[in-house]
């Protein structure tokens, strides 16, 4: 039953909903009782046309215009596909547009609704249900299918382990056999020497007896054998065999293990997207036996801190002055830019777009230089920025120390937005040293984050998510010399190169922290490092304020 109708079908006023209606406002399309009609007419904010209810005009049920509330839409704009009223048409916004009767349009749409519903219910929706069921079935089978792949990988790994174990056992057996032969030879030599020593003791005892007895007959029959023993028995010399392990070719081992093609997800209409991109490995470049200096750049600083490659023959440098310099291989000054604060920068880096970034610990900022204009992109509170590098994803990685020098961390920024903070390991212990900390940072090609931590005498490497992978504290066999890493960089082979300023050399590590070799090249106080796109190493020397370009691959 209509809420405004009684059991006797009495029509009530639309406003008070208690008194039977008497009138109707044609402009507002509302039914009114006597009192409400008086109140309604007293509203002078808009026009009204109140007539007796029985004399009202019965008009079609046109929709109200959303833009002009007092109007009803009697037309439909075909071009705009919206209902319009007479005011909309006269406004000129629909000039030249085809118009149709709104009721005819509504009637046509009303007729199409059941057809659309039927198609959705009987054809379209069931196909979506079928597709969803297929996807669920495929998801249910994933565990089994990928489990088989994992089993195959495990089996292949077991085969390789067995082969390696067999090789190790053969080598150990050969070593044991050599040891036995070596020991037998030494034992035989020992027996021969012991026998001679026993004879000598007997002769010495006989001589003592002759001397004590003064027996002429014993003395006359004595025959000296000293000449026989002056020639010592031959000493057995066995050359200890050496084991020469070959450097494991990881690429060859990976290829021998078996390949896994990238995952390819195809849609039915032929579009293909790859969720696991096939990244081609860079060509293998072996280390040179003798690295060599191919260019030397005089920077003009008294003390040189950092170098960053803009190209193969142009490098940005910074040192003990407020000015950062862009130089070519002939030491020609191409550009110089002063820091915003007028203080010397802490570190510099070149972005993927070729812009220069520098850290300034005098005002705790990280700044971007674009078209020679300096823009402060990061301002720190309670922390001092130290070194900076630009990542493959065009983020900035910044090492920093707290104002009280008690904490240090690495922070990843996208523009000026902090995305990641790396400070502690899984046990909650600090990853990096505090105090008067000097750190430099680089991202490896495998997306590891590599930090040279001077105070800790270590290179600290974490993965992309910030989990500790390893610490390198110098060559394992070199326990007498100190290790103080400063500058750090990486190359196309995922080598990690760090400058050992105290010992005037560069350490080259593989991506897992295994020492490969040193670079000396007459370096004096190497500090900042960078590598260009052709894997040429640029070394900033603290003592000479020169940059040396070194070919090592």
Foldseek 3Di string as FASTA:
>chain_A
DPQLQDPVGFHCFPPPSPHGFFKAWQQLRGTHHPVVVVVVCVPPPDDTDIDTPVPHDDDPPFDADPVDRSFGFQKAFPVVRGTDTPVRVVVCPSPPTDIDGPVVVVVVVVVCVVVVVCCVVPPVVVVVVVVVVVVVVVVVCVVVVVVVVVVLLVVLVVVVVVVVVVVVVVVVVVLVVVVVVVVVVQVVVVVVQVVVVVVVVVVVVLVVVCVVVVDPVSVVPDDDCVVVVVDPDDDDDDDRDDDDDDDDDVVVVVVVSDDDDFDWDADPVGDIDTPGDDDDADDDDDWDPAKAFDAKAFAPDQFWAAWEDLAPFWIWTFGQFQKIFIAGRVNDTDDIAGDPVRGGFQEWYAFPVRWIWTFRQVQQFIWIADPNDIDTQEGDDQKGWHEWYADPVRWIWTWIAGPVQQFIWIFIGDRHHTDDIAAAEPVRHGQAHTDPWAKYWEAFPQRWIWIQTQVVQWIWIDHNNRHTQDIANDDPVPPPDHFGWAAWYAASQRWIWTARQVVQWIWTAHNNGHTDDIHHNPGHRWHHWYAHNVRWIWTQHGNSRMITTMDTD
